[in-house]
Amino acid sequence: MKTQIVSARQVLIVWGIFIAIAILINGTIPFLLGRDMEAWTSSLVKDTLFNIVIYSGLYLVVPLTLVKGWKTVRQPAFLIPLIIAVLAMAVRSYLRPVSAIAVFVLAYLHYRYDLSDLGFRSRGWRGDAAMVILIALVIGSQRFFSSAPFSLNFATAFFAGLDRLFLNPASTTENLFYFGFLAERLAPKFGKLWTPLLIGLMYMLHEMTNPEYWYEGMFFPMVFVGVALFAWIYLWRQNVIALWLGDGLGRFIGKLF
């Protein structure tokens, strides 16, 4: 299927719109409504807004529309599954398992319309397997820096991995947005050395818009380092599916002990 050429300038504009909307949802709306910031941060209303506007709209619909073109997206065989995925993501806060539909919709759209320009590709299973293991080890190793006592818990780890793979948009549409959409189109302009640093900075600023992470005492420079590393690994293989699998496996390893 025909793919549109999307420039680095265009994806930076999309990211700028995303940041503006994130600031609006995270801080401006509760301020205007006179809501307590901490209560708003954990509210279902805010979570639903993020699911619809960010995870579904900007992370999924916008990249697909820009890359595949409206002529393709408006076809019923493309548009109807996409709408189903958006609806599934919209009710995620109320019926979490339904959000898994979005994963299967992406698999179908790739099978039918070829999403290789969004990172749905393989350049050899050995390298992809190495990418999965590398990402899993990076994510899973974080557990060993925790002071909590170690205990083997396979069931908890198994369901944590499944949740990350199928029910958490941070591993599906967010990975698609930052790596398959942004990194893919920034790399030709900024190169494979500077693009990971740029992606890491963009993601760190994104996380800094969320008061929840300030309440939790998140160390944002580590977010920058971690995402920059993932971006470098992604640009090595350019396979968003391997990134997704590595993310899920990493959560499994992190919870296993």
C-alpha atoms as a PDB file:
ATOM      1  CA  MET A   1       0.000   0.000   0.000  1.00  0.00           C
ATOM      2  CA  LYS A   2       1.161   3.528  -0.801  1.00  0.00           C
ATOM      3  CA  THR A   3       2.920   5.377   2.019  1.00  0.00           C
ATOM      4  CA  GLN A   4       3.092   9.133   2.456  1.00  0.00           C
ATOM      5  CA  ILE A   5       6.437  10.881   2.985  1.00  0.00           C
ATOM      6  CA  VAL A   6       6.339  12.491   6.437  1.00  0.00           C
ATOM      7  CA  SER A   7       9.172  14.925   7.192  1.00  0.00           C
ATOM      8  CA  ALA A   8      11.088  15.487  10.426  1.00  0.00           C
ATOM      9  CA  ARG A   9       9.475  18.924  10.643  1.00  0.00           C
ATOM     10  CA  GLN A  10       6.001  17.407  10.513  1.00  0.00           C
ATOM     11  CA  VAL A  11       6.657  14.877  13.269  1.00  0.00           C
ATOM     12  CA  LEU A  12       8.179  17.580  15.476  1.00  0.00           C
ATOM     13  CA  ILE A  13       5.021  19.652  14.995  1.00  0.00           C
ATOM     14  CA  VAL A  14       2.913  16.640  15.992  1.00  0.00           C
ATOM     15  CA  TRP A  15       5.058  16.141  19.097  1.00  0.00           C
ATOM     16  CA  GLY A  16       4.723  19.858  19.947  1.00  0.00           C
ATOM     17  CA  ILE A  17       0.926  19.577  19.696  1.00  0.00           C
ATOM     18  CA  PHE A  18       1.073  16.511  21.929  1.00  0.00           C
ATOM     19  CA  ILE A  19       3.093  18.362  24.604  1.00  0.00           C
ATOM     20  CA  ALA A  20       0.677  21.304  24.521  1.00  0.00           C
ATOM     21  CA  ILE A  21      -2.304  18.958  24.982  1.00  0.00           C
ATOM     22  CA  ALA A  22      -0.513  17.011  27.737  1.00  0.00           C
ATOM     23  CA  ILE A  23       0.107  20.257  29.646  1.00  0.00           C
ATOM     24  CA  LEU A  24      -3.530  21.224  29.102  1.00  0.00           C
ATOM     25  CA  ILE A  25      -4.859  17.917  30.473  1.00  0.00           C
ATOM     26  CA  ASN A  26      -2.312  17.540  33.275  1.00  0.00           C
ATOM     27  CA  GLY A  27      -2.374  21.072  34.629  1.00  0.00           C
ATOM     28  CA  THR A  28      -4.478  23.680  32.866  1.00  0.00           C
ATOM     29  CA  ILE A  29      -7.853  21.901  33.018  1.00  0.00           C
ATOM     30  CA  PRO A  30      -7.707  21.111  36.774  1.00  0.00           C
ATOM     31  CA  PHE A  31      -6.512  24.684  37.430  1.00  0.00           C
ATOM     32  CA  LEU A  32      -9.427  26.179  35.480  1.00  0.00           C
ATOM     33  CA  LEU A  33     -11.885  23.838  37.191  1.00  0.00           C
ATOM     34  CA  GLY A  34     -10.425  24.522  40.624  1.00  0.00           C
ATOM     35  CA  ARG A  35      -9.665  20.841  41.134  1.00  0.00           C
ATOM     36  CA  ASP A  36      -7.048  19.496  43.519  1.00  0.00           C
ATOM     37  CA  MET A  37      -4.043  18.628  41.355  1.00  0.00           C
ATOM     38  CA  GLU A  38      -3.198  15.372  43.118  1.00  0.00           C
ATOM     39  CA  ALA A  39      -6.806  14.149  43.033  1.00  0.00           C
ATOM     40  CA  TRP A  40      -7.095  15.100  39.352  1.00  0.00           C
ATOM     41  CA  THR A  41      -3.887  13.217  38.508  1.00  0.00           C
ATOM     42  CA  SER A  42      -5.384   9.922  39.678  1.00  0.00           C
ATOM     43  CA  SER A  43      -8.933  10.595  38.482  1.00  0.00           C
ATOM     44  CA  LEU A  44     -10.837   8.513  35.938  1.00  0.00           C
ATOM     45  CA  VAL A  45     -11.738  11.662  34.004  1.00  0.00           C
ATOM     46  CA  LYS A  46      -8.105  12.542  33.375  1.00  0.00           C
ATOM     47  CA  ASP A  47      -7.238   8.939  32.539  1.00  0.00           C
ATOM     48  CA  THR A  48     -10.095   8.752  30.045  1.00  0.00           C
ATOM     49  CA  LEU A  49      -9.033  12.014  28.401  1.00  0.00           C
ATOM     50  CA  PHE A  50      -5.512  10.664  27.985  1.00  0.00           C
ATOM     51  CA  ASN A  51      -6.798   7.383  26.569  1.00  0.00           C
ATOM     52  CA  ILE A  52      -8.946   9.128  23.951  1.00  0.00           C
ATOM     53  CA  VAL A  53      -6.919  12.209  23.029  1.00  0.00           C
ATOM     54  CA  ILE A  54      -3.321  11.040  23.554  1.00  0.00           C
ATOM     55  CA  TYR A  55      -3.067   7.235  23.394  1.00  0.00           C
ATOM     56  CA  SER A  56      -5.753   6.822  20.723  1.00  0.00           C
ATOM     57  CA  GLY A  57      -5.711  10.123  18.846  1.00  0.00           C
ATOM     58  CA  LEU A  58      -2.157  11.444  18.750  1.00  0.00           C
ATOM     59  CA  TYR A  59      -0.298   8.167  19.296  1.00  0.00           C
ATOM     60  CA  LEU A  60      -2.362   5.977  16.964  1.00  0.00           C
ATOM     61  CA  VAL A  61      -4.729   7.793  14.582  1.00  0.00           C
ATOM     62  CA  VAL A  62      -2.400  10.680  13.670  1.00  0.00           C
ATOM     63  CA  PRO A  63       0.686   8.544  12.801  1.00  0.00           C
ATOM     64  CA  LEU A  64      -1.412   6.082  10.802  1.00  0.00           C
ATOM     65  CA  THR A  65      -3.168   8.884   8.913  1.00  0.00           C
ATOM     66  CA  LEU A  66       0.007  10.821   8.134  1.00  0.00           C
ATOM     67  CA  VAL A  67       1.990   7.760   7.064  1.00  0.00           C
ATOM     68  CA  LYS A  68      -0.685   5.819   5.155  1.00  0.00           C
ATOM     69  CA  GLY A  69      -2.639   8.832   3.916  1.00  0.00           C
ATOM     70  CA  TRP A  70      -6.310   9.676   4.332  1.00  0.00           C
ATOM     71  CA  LYS A  71      -7.164   7.938   1.056  1.00  0.00           C
ATOM     72  CA  THR A  72      -6.122   4.637   2.626  1.00  0.00           C
ATOM     73  CA  VAL A  73      -7.329   5.329   6.172  1.00  0.00           C
ATOM     74  CA  ARG A  74     -10.853   6.232   5.045  1.00  0.00           C
ATOM     75  CA  GLN A  75     -11.350   2.819   3.443  1.00  0.00           C
ATOM     76  CA  PRO A  76     -13.898   0.850   5.516  1.00  0.00           C
ATOM     77  CA  ALA A  77     -11.516  -2.100   5.906  1.00  0.00           C
ATOM     78  CA  PHE A  78      -9.024   0.286   7.557  1.00  0.00           C
ATOM     79  CA  LEU A  79     -11.294   2.846   9.220  1.00  0.00           C
ATOM     80  CA  ILE A  80     -13.700   0.469  10.976  1.00  0.00           C
ATOM     81  CA  PRO A  81     -10.971  -1.555  12.768  1.00  0.00           C
ATOM     82  CA  LEU A  82      -9.246   1.723  13.664  1.00  0.00           C
ATOM     83  CA  ILE A  83     -12.440   3.082  15.215  1.00  0.00           C
ATOM     84  CA  ILE A  84     -12.837  -0.173  17.154  1.00  0.00           C
ATOM     85  CA  ALA A  85      -9.269   0.211  18.478  1.00  0.00           C
ATOM     86  CA  VAL A  86      -9.976   3.812  19.526  1.00  0.00           C
ATOM     87  CA  LEU A  87     -13.169   2.774  21.338  1.00  0.00           C
ATOM     88  CA  ALA A  88     -11.318  -0.060  23.067  1.00  0.00           C
ATOM     89  CA  MET A  89      -8.648   2.363  24.284  1.00  0.00           C
ATOM     90  CA  ALA A  90     -11.320   4.876  25.350  1.00  0.00           C
ATOM     91  CA  VAL A  91     -12.945   2.468  27.815  1.00  0.00           C
ATOM     92  CA  ARG A  92      -9.636   1.091  29.095  1.00  0.00           C
ATOM     93  CA  SER A  93     -10.007   2.826  32.471  1.00  0.00           C
ATOM     94  CA  TYR A  94     -13.368   1.141  33.053  1.00  0.00           C
ATOM     95  CA  LEU A  95     -12.841  -2.249  31.393  1.00  0.00           C
ATOM     96  CA  ARG A  96      -9.090  -2.750  31.140  1.00  0.00           C
ATOM     97  CA  PRO A  97      -8.988  -6.085  29.222  1.00  0.00           C
ATOM     98  CA  VAL A  98     -10.827  -4.503  26.262  1.00  0.00           C
ATOM     99  CA  SER A  99      -7.738  -2.414  25.463  1.00  0.00           C
ATOM    100  CA  ALA A 100      -6.041  -5.584  24.145  1.00  0.00           C
ATOM    101  CA  ILE A 101      -8.201  -5.206  21.029  1.00  0.00           C
ATOM    102  CA  ALA A 102      -5.911  -2.370  19.894  1.00  0.00           C
ATOM    103  CA  VAL A 103      -2.974  -4.789  19.643  1.00  0.00           C
ATOM    104  CA  PHE A 104      -4.908  -7.156  17.389  1.00  0.00           C
ATOM    105  CA  VAL A 105      -6.172  -4.259  15.273  1.00  0.00           C
ATOM    106  CA  LEU A 106      -2.581  -3.142  14.655  1.00  0.00           C
ATOM    107  CA  ALA A 107      -1.654  -6.711  13.696  1.00  0.00           C
ATOM    108  CA  TYR A 108      -4.567  -6.812  11.245  1.00  0.00           C
ATOM    109  CA  LEU A 109      -3.751  -3.403   9.745  1.00  0.00           C
ATOM    110  CA  HIS A 110      -0.154  -4.445   9.213  1.00  0.00           C
ATOM    111  CA  TYR A 111      -1.256  -7.695   7.563  1.00  0.00           C
ATOM    112  CA  ARG A 112      -3.719  -5.893   5.296  1.00  0.00           C
ATOM    113  CA  TYR A 113      -2.024  -2.523   4.654  1.00  0.00           C
ATOM    114  CA  ASP A 114       1.677  -2.986   5.528  1.00  0.00           C
ATOM    115  CA  LEU A 115       2.818  -0.822   8.442  1.00  0.00           C
ATOM    116  CA  SER A 116       6.522  -1.422   7.813  1.00  0.00           C
ATOM    117  CA  ASP A 117       7.111   2.343   7.650  1.00  0.00           C
ATOM    118  CA  LEU A 118       6.012   2.492  11.282  1.00  0.00           C
ATOM    119  CA  GLY A 119       8.516  -0.152  12.380  1.00  0.00           C
ATOM    120  CA  PHE A 120       6.508  -3.307  11.659  1.00  0.00           C
ATOM    121  CA  ARG A 121       9.398  -5.082   9.977  1.00  0.00           C
ATOM    122  CA  SER A 122      12.124  -7.636  10.522  1.00  0.00           C
ATOM    123  CA  ARG A 123      15.685  -7.682   9.216  1.00  0.00           C
ATOM    124  CA  GLY A 124      16.492 -11.162  10.471  1.00  0.00           C
ATOM    125  CA  TRP A 125      15.246 -13.129  13.443  1.00  0.00           C
ATOM    126  CA  ARG A 126      18.647 -13.473  15.132  1.00  0.00           C
ATOM    127  CA  GLY A 127      19.176  -9.724  15.382  1.00  0.00           C
ATOM    128  CA  ASP A 128      15.567  -9.202  16.433  1.00  0.00           C
ATOM    129  CA  ALA A 129      15.891 -11.873  19.138  1.00  0.00           C
ATOM    130  CA  ALA A 130      19.048 -10.131  20.379  1.00  0.00           C
ATOM    131  CA  MET A 131      17.092  -6.849  20.485  1.00  0.00           C
ATOM    132  CA  VAL A 132      14.294  -8.451  22.523  1.00  0.00           C
ATOM    133  CA  ILE A 133      16.749  -9.936  25.031  1.00  0.00           C
ATOM    134  CA  LEU A 134      18.769  -6.725  25.304  1.00  0.00           C
ATOM    135  CA  ILE A 135      15.718  -4.571  26.025  1.00  0.00           C
ATOM    136  CA  ALA A 136      14.340  -7.157  28.462  1.00  0.00           C
ATOM    137  CA  LEU A 137      17.612  -7.234  30.389  1.00  0.00           C
ATOM    138  CA  VAL A 138      17.795  -3.432  30.566  1.00  0.00           C
ATOM    139  CA  ILE A 139      14.236  -3.187  31.897  1.00  0.00           C
ATOM    140  CA  GLY A 140      14.421  -6.251  34.132  1.00  0.00           C
ATOM    141  CA  SER A 141      17.747  -5.244  35.681  1.00  0.00           C
ATOM    142  CA  GLN A 142      16.059  -2.290  37.393  1.00  0.00           C
ATOM    143  CA  ARG A 143      14.685  -4.772  39.945  1.00  0.00           C
ATOM    144  CA  PHE A 144      18.197  -5.458  41.212  1.00  0.00           C
ATOM    145  CA  PHE A 145      18.603  -1.826  42.246  1.00  0.00           C
ATOM    146  CA  SER A 146      15.608  -2.099  44.581  1.00  0.00           C
ATOM    147  CA  SER A 147      16.015  -2.689  48.311  1.00  0.00           C
ATOM    148  CA  ALA A 148      12.915  -4.909  48.455  1.00  0.00           C
ATOM    149  CA  PRO A 149      13.595  -8.565  49.389  1.00  0.00           C
ATOM    150  CA  PHE A 150      13.810 -11.044  46.508  1.00  0.00           C
ATOM    151  CA  SER A 151      11.195 -13.778  46.109  1.00  0.00           C
ATOM    152  CA  LEU A 152      10.304 -15.933  43.120  1.00  0.00           C
ATOM    153  CA  ASN A 153       6.749 -15.236  41.943  1.00  0.00           C
ATOM    154  CA  PHE A 154       6.018 -16.643  38.515  1.00  0.00           C
ATOM    155  CA  ALA A 155       2.269 -15.891  38.496  1.00  0.00           C
ATOM    156  CA  THR A 156       2.742 -12.217  39.333  1.00  0.00           C
ATOM    157  CA  ALA A 157       5.498 -11.909  36.723  1.00  0.00           C
ATOM    158  CA  PHE A 158       3.422 -13.675  34.055  1.00  0.00           C
ATOM    159  CA  PHE A 159       0.421 -11.391  34.468  1.00  0.00           C
ATOM    160  CA  ALA A 160       2.635  -8.294  34.703  1.00  0.00           C
ATOM    161  CA  GLY A 161       4.188  -9.237  31.378  1.00  0.00           C
ATOM    162  CA  LEU A 162       0.799  -9.849  29.755  1.00  0.00           C
ATOM    163  CA  ASP A 163      -0.530  -6.576  31.114  1.00  0.00           C
ATOM    164  CA  ARG A 164       2.404  -4.668  29.666  1.00  0.00           C
ATOM    165  CA  LEU A 165       2.099  -6.354  26.281  1.00  0.00           C
ATOM    166  CA  PHE A 166      -1.645  -6.127  25.755  1.00  0.00           C
ATOM    167  CA  LEU A 167      -3.283  -3.751  28.229  1.00  0.00           C
ATOM    168  CA  ASN A 168      -0.841  -0.874  28.650  1.00  0.00           C
ATOM    169  CA  PRO A 169      -0.696   1.743  25.866  1.00  0.00           C
ATOM    170  CA  ALA A 170       2.820   2.699  27.025  1.00  0.00           C
ATOM    171  CA  SER A 171       3.967  -0.531  25.355  1.00  0.00           C
ATOM    172  CA  THR A 172       1.720  -0.325  22.288  1.00  0.00           C
ATOM    173  CA  THR A 173       0.683   3.068  20.913  1.00  0.00           C
ATOM    174  CA  GLU A 174       3.343   5.008  22.836  1.00  0.00           C
ATOM    175  CA  ASN A 175       6.147   2.836  21.445  1.00  0.00           C
ATOM    176  CA  LEU A 176       4.595   3.186  18.008  1.00  0.00           C
ATOM    177  CA  PHE A 177       4.557   6.974  18.373  1.00  0.00           C
ATOM    178  CA  TYR A 178       8.041   7.563  19.799  1.00  0.00           C
ATOM    179  CA  PHE A 179       9.972   4.943  17.878  1.00  0.00           C
ATOM    180  CA  GLY A 180       8.048   3.783  14.810  1.00  0.00           C
ATOM    181  CA  PHE A 181       6.814   7.296  14.013  1.00  0.00           C
ATOM    182  CA  LEU A 182       9.174   9.895  15.546  1.00  0.00           C
ATOM    183  CA  ALA A 183      12.563   8.125  15.594  1.00  0.00           C
ATOM    184  CA  GLU A 184      12.053   6.726  12.074  1.00  0.00           C
ATOM    185  CA  ARG A 185      11.578  10.219  10.633  1.00  0.00           C
ATOM    186  CA  LEU A 186      14.041  12.135  12.768  1.00  0.00           C
ATOM    187  CA  ALA A 187      16.942   9.745  12.065  1.00  0.00           C
ATOM    188  CA  PRO A 188      17.407  10.754   8.390  1.00  0.00           C
ATOM    189  CA  LYS A 189      17.793  14.394   9.465  1.00  0.00           C
ATOM    190  CA  PHE A 190      19.664  14.109  12.769  1.00  0.00           C
ATOM    191  CA  GLY A 191      21.470  10.803  12.294  1.00  0.00           C
ATOM    192  CA  LYS A 192      21.587   7.684  14.439  1.00  0.00           C
ATOM    193  CA  LEU A 193      23.884   9.349  16.996  1.00  0.00           C
ATOM    194  CA  TRP A 194      21.817  12.433  17.807  1.00  0.00           C
ATOM    195  CA  THR A 195      18.302  11.074  17.238  1.00  0.00           C
ATOM    196  CA  PRO A 196      18.312   8.803  20.332  1.00  0.00           C
ATOM    197  CA  LEU A 197      19.436  11.763  22.458  1.00  0.00           C
ATOM    198  CA  LEU A 198      16.656  13.881  20.981  1.00  0.00           C
ATOM    199  CA  ILE A 199      14.053  11.159  21.574  1.00  0.00           C
ATOM    200  CA  GLY A 200      15.307  10.728  25.145  1.00  0.00           C
ATOM    201  CA  LEU A 201      15.006  14.471  25.773  1.00  0.00           C
ATOM    202  CA  MET A 202      11.533  14.619  24.208  1.00  0.00           C
ATOM    203  CA  TYR A 203      10.314  11.720  26.325  1.00  0.00           C
ATOM    204  CA  MET A 204      11.818  13.153  29.508  1.00  0.00           C
ATOM    205  CA  LEU A 205      10.028  16.477  28.895  1.00  0.00           C
ATOM    206  CA  HIS A 206       6.848  14.529  28.207  1.00  0.00           C
ATOM    207  CA  GLU A 207       7.121  12.740  31.580  1.00  0.00           C
ATOM    208  CA  MET A 208       7.857  16.032  33.328  1.00  0.00           C
ATOM    209  CA  THR A 209       4.426  17.377  32.300  1.00  0.00           C
ATOM    210  CA  ASN A 210       2.767  14.739  34.499  1.00  0.00           C
ATOM    211  CA  PRO A 211       2.456  15.746  38.199  1.00  0.00           C
ATOM    212  CA  GLU A 212       2.117  12.066  39.139  1.00  0.00           C
ATOM    213  CA  TYR A 213       5.806  11.478  38.509  1.00  0.00           C
ATOM    214  CA  TRP A 214       6.794  14.529  40.555  1.00  0.00           C
ATOM    215  CA  TYR A 215       4.744  13.166  43.482  1.00  0.00           C
ATOM    216  CA  GLU A 216       6.526   9.824  43.105  1.00  0.00           C
ATOM    217  CA  GLY A 217       9.955  11.482  43.104  1.00  0.00           C
ATOM    218  CA  MET A 218      10.925  10.203  39.669  1.00  0.00           C
ATOM    219  CA  PHE A 219      14.557  10.846  38.698  1.00  0.00           C
ATOM    220  CA  PHE A 220      14.004  12.321  35.249  1.00  0.00           C
ATOM    221  CA  PRO A 221      17.626  12.155  34.003  1.00  0.00           C
ATOM    222  CA  MET A 222      17.374   8.354  34.208  1.00  0.00           C
ATOM    223  CA  VAL A 223      14.279   8.511  32.006  1.00  0.00           C
ATOM    224  CA  PHE A 224      16.350  10.398  29.456  1.00  0.00           C
ATOM    225  CA  VAL A 225      19.159   7.815  29.575  1.00  0.00           C
ATOM    226  CA  GLY A 226      16.806   4.831  29.400  1.00  0.00           C
ATOM    227  CA  VAL A 227      14.703   6.091  26.491  1.00  0.00           C
ATOM    228  CA  ALA A 228      17.776   7.279  24.580  1.00  0.00           C
ATOM    229  CA  LEU A 229      19.188   3.764  24.962  1.00  0.00           C
ATOM    230  CA  PHE A 230      15.933   2.213  23.713  1.00  0.00           C
ATOM    231  CA  ALA A 231      15.927   4.619  20.759  1.00  0.00           C
ATOM    232  CA  TRP A 232      19.471   3.599  19.864  1.00  0.00           C
ATOM    233  CA  ILE A 233      18.514  -0.090  20.085  1.00  0.00           C
ATOM    234  CA  TYR A 234      15.405   0.582  17.992  1.00  0.00           C
ATOM    235  CA  LEU A 235      17.362   2.360  15.254  1.00  0.00           C
ATOM    236  CA  TRP A 236      19.738  -0.600  15.160  1.00  0.00           C
ATOM    237  CA  ARG A 237      16.940  -3.016  14.145  1.00  0.00           C
ATOM    238  CA  GLN A 238      14.023  -0.649  13.340  1.00  0.00           C
ATOM    239  CA  ASN A 239      11.574  -3.245  14.617  1.00  0.00           C
ATOM    240  CA  VAL A 240       8.806  -1.940  16.884  1.00  0.00           C
ATOM    241  CA  ILE A 241       7.476  -5.477  17.412  1.00  0.00           C
ATOM    242  CA  ALA A 242      10.788  -6.608  18.912  1.00  0.00           C
ATOM    243  CA  LEU A 243      10.719  -3.498  21.117  1.00  0.00           C
ATOM    244  CA  TRP A 244       7.197  -4.405  22.250  1.00  0.00           C
ATOM    245  CA  LEU A 245       8.205  -7.996  23.026  1.00  0.00           C
ATOM    246  CA  GLY A 246      11.319  -6.889  24.886  1.00  0.00           C
ATOM    247  CA  ASP A 247       9.253  -4.463  26.965  1.00  0.00           C
ATOM    248  CA  GLY A 248       6.850  -7.223  28.001  1.00  0.00           C
ATOM    249  CA  LEU A 249       9.635  -9.702  28.742  1.00  0.00           C
ATOM    250  CA  GLY A 250      11.463  -7.056  30.753  1.00  0.00           C
ATOM    251  CA  ARG A 251       8.395  -6.493  32.947  1.00  0.00           C
ATOM    252  CA  PHE A 252       8.172 -10.266  33.443  1.00  0.00           C
ATOM    253  CA  ILE A 253      11.807 -10.457  34.570  1.00  0.00           C
ATOM    254  CA  GLY A 254      11.405  -7.414  36.818  1.00  0.00           C
ATOM    255  CA  LYS A 255       8.453  -8.961  38.653  1.00  0.00           C
ATOM    256  CA  LEU A 256       9.767 -12.522  38.701  1.00  0.00           C
ATOM    257  CA  PHE A 257      12.102 -11.807  41.619  1.00  0.00           C
END
